[in-house]
C-alpha cells in the first residue's frame, strides 16, 4: 500500500457525528471518541477490503463483488461469533453436568464427603 492512502479520508466527521447522535440522541459525543471510532471504522474497512480482494483473487477475478465483501465480513466476524456459540454451549453442558451430578447416587447430595459406598 502506498503513502497516498494516508491522505484519503473515507469517513467524514460531520456525517459520522450525525449518525451516532441519531442512534443515541441523549448521549453526548465526548473527547476523542469520534476520532477513535473513525479510526476503527477505517481500519475495519481496510481489513474487510483486503479480505474481499483475496476472495476475488481466489476466484481469479479482477473485480471485487458483493459476495467477496460478504464473505470477508463473515471471515472477520466468524471467530468472534464462534466464541459466543461455544460459551452458550458450555453453559448448556454445565447445566446438564450439574443435573447429572445431583442425580448421581454415589456423589454426596448435601455437599459432604462421600464414604465411597
PDB file of N, CA and C in Angstrom:
ATOM      1  N   UNK A   1       0.857  -1.169   0.000  1.00  0.00           N
ATOM      2  CA  UNK A   1       0.000   0.000   0.000  1.00  0.00           C
ATOM      3  C   UNK A   1       0.900   1.227   0.000  1.00  0.00           C
ATOM      4  N   UNK A   2       0.580   2.250  -0.780  1.00  0.00           N
ATOM      5  CA  UNK A   2       1.423   3.435  -0.839  1.00  0.00           C
ATOM      6  C   UNK A   2       0.983   4.477   0.174  1.00  0.00           C
ATOM      7  N   UNK A   3       1.807   5.522   0.315  1.00  0.00           N
ATOM      8  CA  UNK A   3       1.540   6.561   1.308  1.00  0.00           C
ATOM      9  C   UNK A   3       0.334   7.414   0.965  1.00  0.00           C
ATOM     10  N   UNK A   4      -0.117   7.404  -0.300  1.00  0.00           N
ATOM     11  CA  UNK A   4      -1.257   8.244  -0.687  1.00  0.00           C
ATOM     12  C   UNK A   4      -2.535   7.831   0.030  1.00  0.00           C
ATOM     13  N   UNK A   5      -2.617   6.581   0.479  1.00  0.00           N
ATOM     14  CA  UNK A   5      -3.816   6.136   1.199  1.00  0.00           C
ATOM     15  C   UNK A   5      -3.943   6.838   2.545  1.00  0.00           C
ATOM     16  N   UNK A   6      -2.832   7.362   3.072  1.00  0.00           N
ATOM     17  CA  UNK A   6      -2.869   8.088   4.341  1.00  0.00           C
ATOM     18  C   UNK A   6      -3.640   9.393   4.213  1.00  0.00           C
ATOM     19  N   UNK A   7      -3.663   9.985   3.010  1.00  0.00           N
ATOM     20  CA  UNK A   7      -4.316  11.272   2.789  1.00  0.00           C
ATOM     21  C   UNK A   7      -5.811  11.139   2.534  1.00  0.00           C
ATOM     22  N   UNK A   8      -6.271   9.936   2.269  1.00  0.00           N
ATOM     23  CA  UNK A   8      -7.680   9.709   1.958  1.00  0.00           C
ATOM     24  C   UNK A   8      -8.479   9.690   3.260  1.00  0.00           C
ATOM     25  N   UNK A   9      -9.612  10.394   3.255  1.00  0.00           N
ATOM     26  CA  UNK A   9     -10.493  10.435   4.429  1.00  0.00           C
ATOM     27  C   UNK A   9     -11.853   9.879   4.015  1.00  0.00           C
ATOM     28  N   UNK A  10     -12.018   8.537   4.051  1.00  0.00           N
ATOM     29  CA  UNK A  10     -13.255   7.943   3.544  1.00  0.00           C
ATOM     30  C   UNK A  10     -14.470   8.176   4.438  1.00  0.00           C
ATOM     31  N   UNK A  11     -14.226   8.447   5.708  1.00  0.00           N
ATOM     32  CA  UNK A  11     -15.336   8.621   6.643  1.00  0.00           C
ATOM     33  C   UNK A  11     -15.291  10.056   7.148  1.00  0.00           C
ATOM     34  N   UNK A  12     -16.243  10.830   6.720  1.00  0.00           N
ATOM     35  CA  UNK A  12     -16.274  12.249   7.073  1.00  0.00           C
ATOM     36  C   UNK A  12     -16.816  12.430   8.483  1.00  0.00           C
ATOM     37  N   UNK A  13     -16.215  13.357   9.217  1.00  0.00           N
ATOM     38  CA  UNK A  13     -16.532  13.579  10.628  1.00  0.00           C
ATOM     39  C   UNK A  13     -17.983  14.007  10.843  1.00  0.00           C
ATOM     40  N   UNK A  14     -18.460  14.978  10.074  1.00  0.00           N
ATOM     41  CA  UNK A  14     -19.805  15.510  10.299  1.00  0.00           C
ATOM     42  C   UNK A  14     -20.899  14.452  10.094  1.00  0.00           C
ATOM     43  N   UNK A  15     -20.888  13.706   8.976  1.00  0.00           N
ATOM     44  CA  UNK A  15     -21.910  12.657   8.831  1.00  0.00           C
ATOM     45  C   UNK A  15     -21.794  11.563   9.896  1.00  0.00           C
ATOM     46  N   UNK A  16     -20.567  11.252  10.315  1.00  0.00           N
ATOM     47  CA  UNK A  16     -20.393  10.244  11.360  1.00  0.00           C
ATOM     48  C   UNK A  16     -20.989  10.748  12.669  1.00  0.00           C
ATOM     49  N   UNK A  17     -20.730  12.011  13.010  1.00  0.00           N
ATOM     50  CA  UNK A  17     -21.294  12.604  14.221  1.00  0.00           C
ATOM     51  C   UNK A  17     -22.817  12.571  14.159  1.00  0.00           C
ATOM     52  N   UNK A  18     -23.394  12.959  13.014  1.00  0.00           N
ATOM     53  CA  UNK A  18     -24.853  12.946  12.852  1.00  0.00           C
ATOM     54  C   UNK A  18     -25.396  11.530  12.999  1.00  0.00           C
ATOM     55  N   UNK A  19     -24.676  10.561  12.462  1.00  0.00           N
ATOM     56  CA  UNK A  19     -25.095   9.163  12.535  1.00  0.00           C
ATOM     57  C   UNK A  19     -25.134   8.679  13.982  1.00  0.00           C
ATOM     58  N   UNK A  20     -24.050   8.921  14.730  1.00  0.00           N
ATOM     59  CA  UNK A  20     -24.026   8.421  16.109  1.00  0.00           C
ATOM     60  C   UNK A  20     -25.033   9.163  16.978  1.00  0.00           C
ATOM     61  N   UNK A  21     -25.217  10.451  16.746  1.00  0.00           N
ATOM     62  CA  UNK A  21     -26.204  11.218  17.508  1.00  0.00           C
ATOM     63  C   UNK A  21     -27.618  10.722  17.219  1.00  0.00           C
ATOM     64  N   UNK A  22     -27.900  10.366  15.984  1.00  0.00           N
ATOM     65  CA  UNK A  22     -29.230   9.878  15.617  1.00  0.00           C
ATOM     66  C   UNK A  22     -29.547   8.554  16.313  1.00  0.00           C
ATOM     67  N   UNK A  23     -28.514   7.766  16.623  1.00  0.00           N
ATOM     68  CA  UNK A  23     -28.734   6.466  17.252  1.00  0.00           C
ATOM     69  C   UNK A  23     -28.712   6.520  18.772  1.00  0.00           C
ATOM     70  N   UNK A  24     -28.129   7.546  19.337  1.00  0.00           N
ATOM     71  CA  UNK A  24     -28.102   7.709  20.798  1.00  0.00           C
ATOM     72  C   UNK A  24     -28.254   9.194  21.109  1.00  0.00           C
ATOM     73  N   UNK A  25     -29.453   9.713  20.867  1.00  0.00           N
ATOM     74  CA  UNK A  25     -29.695  11.154  20.958  1.00  0.00           C
ATOM     75  C   UNK A  25     -29.403  11.734  22.335  1.00  0.00           C
ATOM     76  N   UNK A  26     -29.656  10.972  23.398  1.00  0.00           N
ATOM     77  CA  UNK A  26     -29.488  11.514  24.742  1.00  0.00           C
ATOM     78  C   UNK A  26     -28.022  11.531  25.185  1.00  0.00           C
ATOM     79  N   UNK A  27     -27.143  10.896  24.425  1.00  0.00           N
ATOM     80  CA  UNK A  27     -25.731  10.827  24.798  1.00  0.00           C
ATOM     81  C   UNK A  27     -24.930  11.925  24.104  1.00  0.00           C
ATOM     82  N   UNK A  28     -23.932  12.444  24.822  1.00  0.00           N
ATOM     83  CA  UNK A  28     -23.008  13.422  24.252  1.00  0.00           C
ATOM     84  C   UNK A  28     -21.828  12.682  23.616  1.00  0.00           C
ATOM     85  N   UNK A  29     -21.229  13.286  22.612  1.00  0.00           N
ATOM     86  CA  UNK A  29     -20.033  12.738  21.980  1.00  0.00           C
ATOM     87  C   UNK A  29     -18.846  13.375  22.690  1.00  0.00           C
ATOM     88  N   UNK A  30     -18.125  12.572  23.468  1.00  0.00           N
ATOM     89  CA  UNK A  30     -17.089  13.130  24.325  1.00  0.00           C
ATOM     90  C   UNK A  30     -15.681  12.938  23.813  1.00  0.00           C
ATOM     91  N   UNK A  31     -14.846  13.921  24.114  1.00  0.00           N
ATOM     92  CA  UNK A  31     -13.412  13.833  23.865  1.00  0.00           C
ATOM     93  C   UNK A  31     -13.070  13.402  22.456  1.00  0.00           C
ATOM     94  N   UNK A  32     -12.195  12.425  22.388  1.00  0.00           N
ATOM     95  CA  UNK A  32     -11.734  11.914  21.097  1.00  0.00           C
ATOM     96  C   UNK A  32     -12.509  10.677  20.659  1.00  0.00           C
ATOM     97  N   UNK A  33     -13.689  10.454  21.247  1.00  0.00           N
ATOM     98  CA  UNK A  33     -14.439   9.229  20.942  1.00  0.00           C
ATOM     99  C   UNK A  33     -14.769   9.114  19.460  1.00  0.00           C
ATOM    100  N   UNK A  34     -15.144  10.208  18.835  1.00  0.00           N
ATOM    101  CA  UNK A  34     -15.491  10.171  17.413  1.00  0.00           C
ATOM    102  C   UNK A  34     -14.252   9.901  16.558  1.00  0.00           C
ATOM    103  N   UNK A  35     -13.122  10.491  16.939  1.00  0.00           N
ATOM    104  CA  UNK A  35     -11.876  10.240  16.208  1.00  0.00           C
ATOM    105  C   UNK A  35     -11.469   8.777  16.329  1.00  0.00           C
ATOM    106  N   UNK A  36     -11.627   8.213  17.527  1.00  0.00           N
ATOM    107  CA  UNK A  36     -11.281   6.807  17.729  1.00  0.00           C
ATOM    108  C   UNK A  36     -12.208   5.911  16.911  1.00  0.00           C
ATOM    109  N   UNK A  37     -13.512   6.201  16.954  1.00  0.00           N
ATOM    110  CA  UNK A  37     -14.472   5.428  16.167  1.00  0.00           C
ATOM    111  C   UNK A  37     -14.129   5.512  14.689  1.00  0.00           C
ATOM    112  N   UNK A  38     -13.821   6.698  14.223  1.00  0.00           N
ATOM    113  CA  UNK A  38     -13.457   6.901  12.827  1.00  0.00           C
ATOM    114  C   UNK A  38     -12.249   6.042  12.454  1.00  0.00           C
ATOM    115  N   UNK A  39     -11.213   6.063  13.291  1.00  0.00           N
ATOM    116  CA  UNK A  39     -10.007   5.282  13.016  1.00  0.00           C
ATOM    117  C   UNK A  39     -10.314   3.790  12.982  1.00  0.00           C
ATOM    118  N   UNK A  40     -11.164   3.320  13.905  1.00  0.00           N
ATOM    119  CA  UNK A  40     -11.508   1.900  13.940  1.00  0.00           C
ATOM    120  C   UNK A  40     -12.335   1.490  12.728  1.00  0.00           C
ATOM    121  N   UNK A  41     -13.249   2.361  12.308  1.00  0.00           N
ATOM    122  CA  UNK A  41     -14.047   2.072  11.114  1.00  0.00           C
ATOM    123  C   UNK A  41     -13.161   2.006   9.875  1.00  0.00           C
ATOM    124  N   UNK A  42     -12.209   2.927   9.781  1.00  0.00           N
ATOM    125  CA  UNK A  42     -11.287   2.907   8.644  1.00  0.00           C
ATOM    126  C   UNK A  42     -10.454   1.634   8.644  1.00  0.00           C
ATOM    127  N   UNK A  43      -9.958   1.233   9.817  1.00  0.00           N
ATOM    128  CA  UNK A  43      -9.143   0.019   9.902  1.00  0.00           C
ATOM    129  C   UNK A  43      -9.978  -1.219   9.575  1.00  0.00           C
ATOM    130  N   UNK A  44     -11.195  -1.274  10.081  1.00  0.00           N
ATOM    131  CA  UNK A  44     -12.082  -2.396   9.769  1.00  0.00           C
ATOM    132  C   UNK A  44     -12.368  -2.449   8.275  1.00  0.00           C
ATOM    133  N   UNK A  45     -12.603  -1.297   7.677  1.00  0.00           N
ATOM    134  CA  UNK A  45     -12.849  -1.230   6.236  1.00  0.00           C
ATOM    135  C   UNK A  45     -11.635  -1.732   5.466  1.00  0.00           C
ATOM    136  N   UNK A  46     -10.443  -1.318   5.897  1.00  0.00           N
ATOM    137  CA  UNK A  46      -9.217  -1.754   5.222  1.00  0.00           C
ATOM    138  C   UNK A  46      -9.076  -3.277   5.292  1.00  0.00           C
ATOM    139  N   UNK A  47      -9.319  -3.836   6.470  1.00  0.00           N
ATOM    140  CA  UNK A  47      -9.196  -5.283   6.649  1.00  0.00           C
ATOM    141  C   UNK A  47     -10.221  -6.024   5.794  1.00  0.00           C
ATOM    142  N   UNK A  48     -11.470  -5.587   5.839  1.00  0.00           N
ATOM    143  CA  UNK A  48     -12.525  -6.246   5.060  1.00  0.00           C
ATOM    144  C   UNK A  48     -12.204  -6.158   3.573  1.00  0.00           C
ATOM    145  N   UNK A  49     -11.730  -4.998   3.135  1.00  0.00           N
ATOM    146  CA  UNK A  49     -11.444  -4.838   1.704  1.00  0.00           C
ATOM    147  C   UNK A  49     -10.278  -5.730   1.283  1.00  0.00           C
ATOM    148  N   UNK A  50      -9.266  -5.870   2.144  1.00  0.00           N
ATOM    149  CA  UNK A  50      -8.155  -6.774   1.832  1.00  0.00           C
ATOM    150  C   UNK A  50      -8.644  -8.216   1.726  1.00  0.00           C
ATOM    151  N   UNK A  51      -9.479  -8.626   2.677  1.00  0.00           N
ATOM    152  CA  UNK A  51     -10.030  -9.985   2.626  1.00  0.00           C
ATOM    153  C   UNK A  51     -10.885 -10.179   1.380  1.00  0.00           C
ATOM    154  N   UNK A  52     -11.685  -9.172   1.035  1.00  0.00           N
ATOM    155  CA  UNK A  52     -12.526  -9.256  -0.162  1.00  0.00           C
ATOM    156  C   UNK A  52     -11.664  -9.361  -1.413  1.00  0.00           C
ATOM    157  N   UNK A  53     -10.558  -8.624  -1.449  1.00  0.00           N
ATOM    158  CA  UNK A  53      -9.647  -8.699  -2.597  1.00  0.00           C
ATOM    159  C   UNK A  53      -9.041 -10.096  -2.702  1.00  0.00           C
ATOM    160  N   UNK A  54      -8.682 -10.688  -1.548  1.00  0.00           N
ATOM    161  CA  UNK A  54      -8.171 -12.058  -1.560  1.00  0.00           C
ATOM    162  C   UNK A  54      -9.226 -13.021  -2.087  1.00  0.00           C
ATOM    163  N   UNK A  55     -10.475 -12.815  -1.678  1.00  0.00           N
ATOM    164  CA  UNK A  55     -11.561 -13.668  -2.163  1.00  0.00           C
ATOM    165  C   UNK A  55     -11.706 -13.544  -3.672  1.00  0.00           C
ATOM    166  N   UNK A  56     -11.619 -12.326  -4.187  1.00  0.00           N
ATOM    167  CA  UNK A  56     -11.716 -12.115  -5.635  1.00  0.00           C
ATOM    168  C   UNK A  56     -10.539 -12.783  -6.345  1.00  0.00           C
ATOM    169  N   UNK A  57      -9.340 -12.624  -5.787  1.00  0.00           N
ATOM    170  CA  UNK A  57      -8.161 -13.265  -6.393  1.00  0.00           C
ATOM    171  C   UNK A  57      -8.319 -14.781  -6.406  1.00  0.00           C
ATOM    172  N   UNK A  58      -8.884 -15.332  -5.338  1.00  0.00           N
ATOM    173  CA  UNK A  58      -9.109 -16.780  -5.281  1.00  0.00           C
ATOM    174  C   UNK A  58     -10.032 -17.242  -6.401  1.00  0.00           C
ATOM    175  N   UNK A  59     -10.910 -16.343  -6.850  1.00  0.00           N
ATOM    176  CA  UNK A  59     -11.808 -16.652  -7.969  1.00  0.00           C
ATOM    177  C   UNK A  59     -11.163 -16.302  -9.306  1.00  0.00           C
ATOM    178  N   UNK A  60      -9.896 -15.862  -9.270  1.00  0.00           N
ATOM    179  CA  UNK A  60      -9.198 -15.379 -10.468  1.00  0.00           C
ATOM    180  C   UNK A  60      -9.931 -14.216 -11.105  1.00  0.00           C
ATOM    181  N   UNK A  61     -10.511 -13.369 -10.269  1.00  0.00           N
ATOM    182  CA  UNK A  61     -11.256 -12.201 -10.753  1.00  0.00           C
ATOM    183  C   UNK A  61     -10.476 -10.934 -10.439  1.00  0.00           C
ATOM    184  N   UNK A  62     -10.712  -9.912 -11.243  1.00  0.00           N
ATOM    185  CA  UNK A  62     -10.080  -8.614 -11.012  1.00  0.00           C
ATOM    186  C   UNK A  62     -11.074  -7.605 -10.463  1.00  0.00           C
ATOM    187  N   UNK A  63     -12.299  -8.057 -10.231  1.00  0.00           N
ATOM    188  CA  UNK A  63     -13.338  -7.184  -9.695  1.00  0.00           C
ATOM    189  C   UNK A  63     -13.845  -7.773  -8.386  1.00  0.00           C
ATOM    190  N   UNK A  64     -13.880  -6.939  -7.354  1.00  0.00           N
ATOM    191  CA  UNK A  64     -14.413  -7.364  -6.061  1.00  0.00           C
ATOM    192  C   UNK A  64     -15.930  -7.235  -6.121  1.00  0.00           C
ATOM    193  N   UNK A  65     -16.606  -8.355  -5.905  1.00  0.00           N
ATOM    194  CA  UNK A  65     -18.063  -8.399  -5.964  1.00  0.00           C
ATOM    195  C   UNK A  65     -18.646  -8.346  -4.546  1.00  0.00           C
ATOM    196  N   UNK A  66     -19.949  -8.128  -4.487  1.00  0.00           N
ATOM    197  CA  UNK A  66     -20.638  -8.081  -3.194  1.00  0.00           C
ATOM    198  C   UNK A  66     -20.396  -9.357  -2.393  1.00  0.00           C
ATOM    199  N   UNK A  67     -20.449 -10.507  -3.053  1.00  0.00           N
ATOM    200  CA  UNK A  67     -20.225 -11.775  -2.353  1.00  0.00           C
ATOM    201  C   UNK A  67     -18.827 -11.841  -1.737  1.00  0.00           C
ATOM    202  N   UNK A  68     -17.839 -11.234  -2.402  1.00  0.00           N
ATOM    203  CA  UNK A  68     -16.484 -11.197  -1.846  1.00  0.00           C
ATOM    204  C   UNK A  68     -16.464 -10.406  -0.543  1.00  0.00           C
ATOM    205  N   UNK A  69     -17.191  -9.290  -0.523  1.00  0.00           N
ATOM    206  CA  UNK A  69     -17.249  -8.449   0.673  1.00  0.00           C
ATOM    207  C   UNK A  69     -18.035  -9.153   1.775  1.00  0.00           C
ATOM    208  N   UNK A  70     -19.159  -9.783   1.404  1.00  0.00           N
ATOM    209  CA  UNK A  70     -19.947 -10.525   2.398  1.00  0.00           C
ATOM    210  C   UNK A  70     -19.105 -11.620   3.052  1.00  0.00           C
ATOM    211  N   UNK A  71     -18.374 -12.362   2.229  1.00  0.00           N
ATOM    212  CA  UNK A  71     -17.520 -13.428   2.742  1.00  0.00           C
ATOM    213  C   UNK A  71     -16.410 -12.845   3.616  1.00  0.00           C
ATOM    214  N   UNK A  72     -15.887 -11.698   3.246  1.00  0.00           N
ATOM    215  CA  UNK A  72     -14.842 -11.051   4.043  1.00  0.00           C
ATOM    216  C   UNK A  72     -15.368 -10.681   5.425  1.00  0.00           C
ATOM    217  N   UNK A  73     -16.572 -10.119   5.486  1.00  0.00           N
ATOM    218  CA  UNK A  73     -17.171  -9.809   6.793  1.00  0.00           C
ATOM    219  C   UNK A  73     -17.359 -11.082   7.605  1.00  0.00           C
ATOM    220  N   UNK A  74     -17.824 -12.136   6.944  1.00  0.00           N
ATOM    221  CA  UNK A  74     -18.017 -13.399   7.647  1.00  0.00           C
ATOM    222  C   UNK A  74     -16.684 -13.901   8.196  1.00  0.00           C
ATOM    223  N   UNK A  75     -15.630 -13.824   7.385  1.00  0.00           N
ATOM    224  CA  UNK A  75     -14.308 -14.263   7.830  1.00  0.00           C
ATOM    225  C   UNK A  75     -13.827 -13.449   9.027  1.00  0.00           C
ATOM    226  N   UNK A  76     -14.114 -12.167   9.019  1.00  0.00           N
ATOM    227  CA  UNK A  76     -13.678 -11.289  10.102  1.00  0.00           C
ATOM    228  C   UNK A  76     -14.463 -11.544  11.387  1.00  0.00           C
ATOM    229  N   UNK A  77     -15.755 -11.752  11.271  1.00  0.00           N
ATOM    230  CA  UNK A  77     -16.638 -11.853  12.436  1.00  0.00           C
ATOM    231  C   UNK A  77     -16.772 -13.288  12.946  1.00  0.00           C
ATOM    232  N   UNK A  78     -16.583 -14.268  12.084  1.00  0.00           N
ATOM    233  CA  UNK A  78     -16.831 -15.670  12.433  1.00  0.00           C
ATOM    234  C   UNK A  78     -16.125 -16.123  13.717  1.00  0.00           C
ATOM    235  N   UNK A  79     -14.830 -15.851  13.899  1.00  0.00           N
ATOM    236  CA  UNK A  79     -14.190 -16.321  15.141  1.00  0.00           C
ATOM    237  C   UNK A  79     -14.848 -15.756  16.395  1.00  0.00           C
ATOM    238  N   UNK A  80     -15.308 -14.519  16.322  1.00  0.00           N
ATOM    239  CA  UNK A  80     -15.953 -13.902  17.480  1.00  0.00           C
ATOM    240  C   UNK A  80     -17.327 -14.522  17.736  1.00  0.00           C
ATOM    241  N   UNK A  81     -18.064 -14.787  16.676  1.00  0.00           N
ATOM    242  CA  UNK A  81     -19.366 -15.433  16.819  1.00  0.00           C
ATOM    243  C   UNK A  81     -19.193 -16.855  17.336  1.00  0.00           C
ATOM    244  N   UNK A  82     -18.129 -17.512  16.902  1.00  0.00           N
ATOM    245  CA  UNK A  82     -17.866 -18.867  17.364  1.00  0.00           C
ATOM    246  C   UNK A  82     -17.606 -18.869  18.872  1.00  0.00           C
ATOM    247  N   UNK A  83     -16.907 -17.862  19.381  1.00  0.00           N
ATOM    248  CA  UNK A  83     -16.683 -17.766  20.827  1.00  0.00           C
ATOM    249  C   UNK A  83     -18.001 -17.657  21.582  1.00  0.00           C
ATOM    250  N   UNK A  84     -18.927 -16.853  21.057  1.00  0.00           N
ATOM    251  CA  UNK A  84     -20.241 -16.739  21.695  1.00  0.00           C
ATOM    252  C   UNK A  84     -20.978 -18.071  21.668  1.00  0.00           C
ATOM    253  N   UNK A  85     -20.939 -18.750  20.521  1.00  0.00           N
ATOM    254  CA  UNK A  85     -21.608 -20.046  20.393  1.00  0.00           C
ATOM    255  C   UNK A  85     -21.029 -21.063  21.375  1.00  0.00           C
ATOM    256  N   UNK A  86     -19.706 -21.103  21.481  1.00  0.00           N
ATOM    257  CA  UNK A  86     -19.057 -22.056  22.382  1.00  0.00           C
ATOM    258  C   UNK A  86     -19.398 -21.729  23.834  1.00  0.00           C
ATOM    259  N   UNK A  87     -19.445 -20.446  24.175  1.00  0.00           N
ATOM    260  CA  UNK A  87     -19.806 -20.048  25.535  1.00  0.00           C
ATOM    261  C   UNK A  87     -21.213 -20.518  25.878  1.00  0.00           C
ATOM    262  N   UNK A  88     -22.156 -20.325  24.958  1.00  0.00           N
ATOM    263  CA  UNK A  88     -23.530 -20.788  25.182  1.00  0.00           C
ATOM    264  C   UNK A  88     -23.576 -22.304  25.320  1.00  0.00           C
ATOM    265  N   UNK A  89     -22.817 -23.009  24.476  1.00  0.00           N
ATOM    266  CA  UNK A  89     -22.802 -24.465  24.525  1.00  0.00           C
ATOM    267  C   UNK A  89     -22.223 -24.940  25.861  1.00  0.00           C
ATOM    268  N   UNK A  90     -21.151 -24.307  26.316  1.00  0.00           N
ATOM    269  CA  UNK A  90     -20.564 -24.695  27.597  1.00  0.00           C
ATOM    270  C   UNK A  90     -21.522 -24.442  28.751  1.00  0.00           C
ATOM    271  N   UNK A  91     -22.278 -23.353  28.688  1.00  0.00           N
ATOM    272  CA  UNK A  91     -23.285 -23.089  29.718  1.00  0.00           C
ATOM    273  C   UNK A  91     -24.337 -24.194  29.749  1.00  0.00           C
ATOM    274  N   UNK A  92     -24.782 -24.636  28.554  1.00  0.00           N
ATOM    275  CA  UNK A  92     -25.760 -25.729  28.496  1.00  0.00           C
ATOM    276  C   UNK A  92     -25.172 -27.009  29.085  1.00  0.00           C
ATOM    277  N   UNK A  93     -23.933 -27.336  28.680  1.00  0.00           N
ATOM    278  CA  UNK A  93     -23.290 -28.545  29.198  1.00  0.00           C
ATOM    279  C   UNK A  93     -23.104 -28.463  30.703  1.00  0.00           C
ATOM    280  N   UNK A  94     -22.764 -27.287  31.208  1.00  0.00           N
ATOM    281  CA  UNK A  94     -22.585 -27.117  32.649  1.00  0.00           C
ATOM    282  C   UNK A  94     -23.879 -27.480  33.375  1.00  0.00           C
ATOM    283  N   UNK A  95     -25.004 -26.969  32.868  1.00  0.00           N
ATOM    284  CA  UNK A  95     -26.296 -27.281  33.471  1.00  0.00           C
ATOM    285  C   UNK A  95     -26.605 -28.768  33.413  1.00  0.00           C
ATOM    286  N   UNK A  96     -26.300 -29.392  32.280  1.00  0.00           N
ATOM    287  CA  UNK A  96     -26.547 -30.828  32.140  1.00  0.00           C
ATOM    288  C   UNK A  96     -25.670 -31.631  33.102  1.00  0.00           C
ATOM    289  N   UNK A  97     -24.396 -31.249  33.211  1.00  0.00           N
ATOM    290  CA  UNK A  97     -23.498 -31.960  34.122  1.00  0.00           C
ATOM    291  C   UNK A  97     -23.908 -31.762  35.577  1.00  0.00           C
ATOM    292  N   UNK A  98     -24.356 -30.564  35.924  1.00  0.00           N
ATOM    293  CA  UNK A  98     -24.822 -30.328  37.293  1.00  0.00           C
ATOM    294  C   UNK A  98     -26.035 -31.195  37.599  1.00  0.00           C
ATOM    295  N   UNK A  99     -26.951 -31.330  36.632  1.00  0.00           N
ATOM    296  CA  UNK A  99     -28.126 -32.186  36.826  1.00  0.00           C
ATOM    297  C   UNK A  99     -27.714 -33.639  37.001  1.00  0.00           C
ATOM    298  N   UNK A 100     -26.763 -34.086  36.184  1.00  0.00           N
ATOM    299  CA  UNK A 100     -26.274 -35.461  36.313  1.00  0.00           C
ATOM    300  C   UNK A 100     -25.609 -35.681  37.670  1.00  0.00           C
ATOM    301  N   UNK A 101     -24.823 -34.705  38.104  1.00  0.00           N
ATOM    302  CA  UNK A 101     -24.134 -34.837  39.395  1.00  0.00           C
ATOM    303  C   UNK A 101     -25.135 -34.876  40.542  1.00  0.00           C
ATOM    304  N   UNK A 102     -26.184 -34.061  40.463  1.00  0.00           N
ATOM    305  CA  UNK A 102     -27.205 -34.050  41.518  1.00  0.00           C
ATOM    306  C   UNK A 102     -27.951 -35.374  41.577  1.00  0.00           C
ATOM    307  N   UNK A 103     -28.136 -36.013  40.432  1.00  0.00           N
ATOM    308  CA  UNK A 103     -28.871 -37.281  40.386  1.00  0.00           C
ATOM    309  C   UNK A 103     -27.976 -38.490  40.648  1.00  0.00           C
ATOM    310  N   UNK A 104     -26.673 -38.307  40.684  1.00  0.00           N
ATOM    311  CA  UNK A 104     -25.738 -39.416  40.868  1.00  0.00           C
ATOM    312  C   UNK A 104     -25.817 -39.927  42.308  1.00  0.00           C
ATOM    313  N   UNK A 105     -26.141 -41.236  42.492  1.00  0.00           N
ATOM    314  CA  UNK A 105     -26.288 -41.776  43.848  1.00  0.00           C
ATOM    315  C   UNK A 105     -24.956 -41.920  44.585  1.00  0.00           C
ATOM    316  N   UNK A 106     -23.847 -41.895  43.892  1.00  0.00           N
ATOM    317  CA  UNK A 106     -22.546 -42.069  44.531  1.00  0.00           C
ATOM    318  C   UNK A 106     -22.034 -40.754  45.105  1.00  0.00           C
ATOM    319  N   UNK A 107     -22.346 -39.653  44.436  1.00  0.00           N
ATOM    320  CA  UNK A 107     -21.872 -38.349  44.900  1.00  0.00           C
ATOM    321  C   UNK A 107     -22.693 -37.877  46.086  1.00  0.00           C
ATOM    322  N   UNK A 108     -22.061 -37.176  47.026  1.00  0.00           N
ATOM    323  CA  UNK A 108     -22.812 -36.661  48.184  1.00  0.00           C
ATOM    324  C   UNK A 108     -23.811 -35.604  47.731  1.00  0.00           C
ATOM    325  N   UNK A 109     -24.991 -35.644  48.320  1.00  0.00           N
ATOM    326  CA  UNK A 109     -26.035 -34.704  47.925  1.00  0.00           C
ATOM    327  C   UNK A 109     -26.068 -33.470  48.804  1.00  0.00           C
ATOM    328  N   UNK A 110     -25.469 -33.531  49.998  1.00  0.00           N
ATOM    329  CA  UNK A 110     -25.527 -32.392  50.912  1.00  0.00           C
ATOM    330  C   UNK A 110     -24.236 -31.587  50.941  1.00  0.00           C
ATOM    331  N   UNK A 111     -23.346 -31.841  50.012  1.00  0.00           N
ATOM    332  CA  UNK A 111     -22.087 -31.121  49.975  1.00  0.00           C
ATOM    333  C   UNK A 111     -21.012 -31.764  50.823  1.00  0.00           C
ATOM    334  N   UNK A 112     -21.369 -32.833  51.554  1.00  0.00           N
ATOM    335  CA  UNK A 112     -20.387 -33.522  52.388  1.00  0.00           C
ATOM    336  C   UNK A 112     -19.599 -34.528  51.572  1.00  0.00           C
ATOM    337  N   UNK A 113     -18.654 -35.173  52.216  1.00  0.00           N
ATOM    338  CA  UNK A 113     -17.828 -36.170  51.553  1.00  0.00           C
ATOM    339  C   UNK A 113     -18.596 -37.479  51.412  1.00  0.00           C
ATOM    340  N   UNK A 114     -18.381 -38.155  50.315  1.00  0.00           N
ATOM    341  CA  UNK A 114     -18.965 -39.476  50.125  1.00  0.00           C
ATOM    342  C   UNK A 114     -18.091 -40.492  50.847  1.00  0.00           C
ATOM    343  N   UNK A 115     -18.729 -41.520  51.424  1.00  0.00           N
ATOM    344  CA  UNK A 115     -17.942 -42.538  52.117  1.00  0.00           C
ATOM    345  C   UNK A 115     -17.462 -43.622  51.160  1.00  0.00           C
ATOM    346  N   UNK A 116     -17.774 -43.430  49.865  1.00  0.00           N
ATOM    347  CA  UNK A 116     -17.283 -44.374  48.868  1.00  0.00           C
ATOM    348  C   UNK A 116     -18.086 -45.641  48.788  1.00  0.00           C
ATOM    349  N   UNK A 117     -19.195 -45.719  49.479  1.00  0.00           N
ATOM    350  CA  UNK A 117     -20.010 -46.892  49.292  1.00  0.00           C
ATOM    351  C   UNK A 117     -20.511 -47.404  50.510  1.00  0.00           C
TER     352      UNK A 117
END
